[in-house]
Amino acid sequence: MEYKIDYNELSIRVVKLLFEGAAVGLVALILPGKNKLSLTEVFAIALTAACVLAILDLLAPALSDGARQGIGMGSGFRMVGFPMV
């Protein structure tokens, strides 16, 4: 059995995941109030998010959409100060 790699699809997925990881890293850089994260920590968070989303895309595509929505909603709520304690 011979497997063929679609390099066009592979490059699209890699770029998409890198953008998503960069977005998570940007939020991690912007959101902390008093204790700012170092660039190394932000890079680690972004890389971890990209890897998690890649694994979810491969193993559970239905769950990866929910994870993306949760990341977006969680960071958006945090930016506007919700919930107010």
C-alpha atoms as a PDB file:
ATOM      1  CA  MET A   1       0.000   0.000   0.000  1.00  0.00           C
ATOM      2  CA  GLU A   2       1.404   3.326  -1.048  1.00  0.00           C
ATOM      3  CA  TYR A   3       0.741   6.582   0.779  1.00  0.00           C
ATOM      4  CA  LYS A   4       0.968   9.933  -0.928  1.00  0.00           C
ATOM      5  CA  ILE A   5       1.464  13.214   0.870  1.00  0.00           C
ATOM      6  CA  ASP A   6      -0.531  16.206  -0.323  1.00  0.00           C
ATOM      7  CA  TYR A   7       1.997  18.967   0.297  1.00  0.00           C
ATOM      8  CA  ASN A   8      -0.511  21.698  -0.501  1.00  0.00           C
ATOM      9  CA  GLU A   9      -2.883  20.485   2.241  1.00  0.00           C
ATOM     10  CA  LEU A  10       0.026  19.988   4.626  1.00  0.00           C
ATOM     11  CA  SER A  11       1.310  23.534   4.124  1.00  0.00           C
ATOM     12  CA  ILE A  12      -2.197  24.982   4.597  1.00  0.00           C
ATOM     13  CA  ARG A  13      -2.629  23.100   7.875  1.00  0.00           C
ATOM     14  CA  VAL A  14       0.803  24.100   9.177  1.00  0.00           C
ATOM     15  CA  VAL A  15       0.230  27.781   8.402  1.00  0.00           C
ATOM     16  CA  LYS A  16      -3.252  27.644   9.967  1.00  0.00           C
ATOM     17  CA  LEU A  17      -1.939  26.066  13.149  1.00  0.00           C
ATOM     18  CA  LEU A  18       0.953  28.525  13.373  1.00  0.00           C
ATOM     19  CA  PHE A  19      -1.476  31.442  13.101  1.00  0.00           C
ATOM     20  CA  GLU A  20      -3.697  29.943  15.785  1.00  0.00           C
ATOM     21  CA  GLY A  21      -0.704  29.400  18.063  1.00  0.00           C
ATOM     22  CA  ALA A  22       0.463  32.962  17.420  1.00  0.00           C
ATOM     23  CA  ALA A  23      -3.000  34.266  18.303  1.00  0.00           C
ATOM     24  CA  VAL A  24      -2.956  32.380  21.606  1.00  0.00           C
ATOM     25  CA  GLY A  25       0.555  33.684  22.276  1.00  0.00           C
ATOM     26  CA  LEU A  26      -0.533  37.249  21.539  1.00  0.00           C
ATOM     27  CA  VAL A  27      -3.405  36.944  23.988  1.00  0.00           C
ATOM     28  CA  ALA A  28      -1.032  35.488  26.587  1.00  0.00           C
ATOM     29  CA  LEU A  29       1.262  38.467  26.050  1.00  0.00           C
ATOM     30  CA  ILE A  30      -1.505  41.067  26.306  1.00  0.00           C
ATOM     31  CA  LEU A  31      -3.752  39.758  29.073  1.00  0.00           C
ATOM     32  CA  PRO A  32      -1.673  39.371  32.236  1.00  0.00           C
ATOM     33  CA  GLY A  33      -2.045  42.526  34.289  1.00  0.00           C
ATOM     34  CA  LYS A  34       0.591  42.737  37.016  1.00  0.00           C
ATOM     35  CA  ASN A  35       2.881  39.807  36.211  1.00  0.00           C
ATOM     36  CA  LYS A  36       3.985  40.054  32.586  1.00  0.00           C
ATOM     37  CA  LEU A  37       5.156  36.850  30.963  1.00  0.00           C
ATOM     38  CA  SER A  38       8.569  36.606  29.363  1.00  0.00           C
ATOM     39  CA  LEU A  39       8.823  36.000  25.640  1.00  0.00           C
ATOM     40  CA  THR A  40      10.061  32.478  26.305  1.00  0.00           C
ATOM     41  CA  GLU A  41       6.925  31.685  28.289  1.00  0.00           C
ATOM     42  CA  VAL A  42       4.697  33.240  25.616  1.00  0.00           C
ATOM     43  CA  PHE A  43       6.457  31.203  22.929  1.00  0.00           C
ATOM     44  CA  ALA A  44       5.990  28.020  24.976  1.00  0.00           C
ATOM     45  CA  ILE A  45       2.278  28.762  25.399  1.00  0.00           C
ATOM     46  CA  ALA A  46       1.863  29.448  21.672  1.00  0.00           C
ATOM     47  CA  LEU A  47       3.734  26.281  20.688  1.00  0.00           C
ATOM     48  CA  THR A  48       1.732  24.188  23.151  1.00  0.00           C
ATOM     49  CA  ALA A  49      -1.556  25.582  21.831  1.00  0.00           C
ATOM     50  CA  ALA A  50      -0.549  24.860  18.239  1.00  0.00           C
ATOM     51  CA  CYS A  51       0.468  21.295  19.137  1.00  0.00           C
ATOM     52  CA  VAL A  52      -2.747  20.642  21.075  1.00  0.00           C
ATOM     53  CA  LEU A  53      -4.882  21.944  18.219  1.00  0.00           C
ATOM     54  CA  ALA A  54      -2.901  19.853  15.708  1.00  0.00           C
ATOM     55  CA  ILE A  55      -3.461  16.708  17.770  1.00  0.00           C
ATOM     56  CA  LEU A  56      -7.161  17.485  18.116  1.00  0.00           C
ATOM     57  CA  ASP A  57      -7.397  18.076  14.347  1.00  0.00           C
ATOM     58  CA  LEU A  58      -5.908  14.645  13.723  1.00  0.00           C
ATOM     59  CA  LEU A  59      -7.675  12.574  16.343  1.00  0.00           C
ATOM     60  CA  ALA A  60     -10.976  14.353  17.026  1.00  0.00           C
ATOM     61  CA  PRO A  61     -11.922  16.985  14.430  1.00  0.00           C
ATOM     62  CA  ALA A  62     -15.338  17.549  16.027  1.00  0.00           C
ATOM     63  CA  LEU A  63     -13.689  18.417  19.352  1.00  0.00           C
ATOM     64  CA  SER A  64     -11.124  20.750  17.803  1.00  0.00           C
ATOM     65  CA  ASP A  65     -13.857  23.172  16.697  1.00  0.00           C
ATOM     66  CA  GLY A  66     -15.164  23.359  20.260  1.00  0.00           C
ATOM     67  CA  ALA A  67     -11.662  23.882  21.601  1.00  0.00           C
ATOM     68  CA  ARG A  68     -11.113  26.795  19.213  1.00  0.00           C
ATOM     69  CA  GLN A  69     -14.389  28.380  20.249  1.00  0.00           C
ATOM     70  CA  GLY A  70     -13.538  27.907  23.925  1.00  0.00           C
ATOM     71  CA  ILE A  71     -10.140  29.514  23.480  1.00  0.00           C
ATOM     72  CA  GLY A  72     -11.678  32.483  21.690  1.00  0.00           C
ATOM     73  CA  MET A  73     -14.541  32.947  24.125  1.00  0.00           C
ATOM     74  CA  GLY A  74     -12.322  32.534  27.175  1.00  0.00           C
ATOM     75  CA  SER A  75      -9.795  35.098  25.995  1.00  0.00           C
ATOM     76  CA  GLY A  76     -12.557  37.487  24.894  1.00  0.00           C
ATOM     77  CA  PHE A  77     -14.333  37.254  28.236  1.00  0.00           C
ATOM     78  CA  ARG A  78     -11.038  37.851  30.011  1.00  0.00           C
ATOM     79  CA  MET A  79     -10.329  40.952  27.917  1.00  0.00           C
ATOM     80  CA  VAL A  80     -13.631  42.583  28.868  1.00  0.00           C
ATOM     81  CA  GLY A  81     -13.308  41.617  32.516  1.00  0.00           C
ATOM     82  CA  PHE A  82     -16.000  38.943  32.680  1.00  0.00           C
ATOM     83  CA  PRO A  83     -16.937  37.595  35.206  1.00  0.00           C
ATOM     84  CA  MET A  84     -16.677  40.483  37.591  1.00  0.00           C
ATOM     85  CA  VAL A  85     -15.678  39.236  41.004  1.00  0.00           C
END
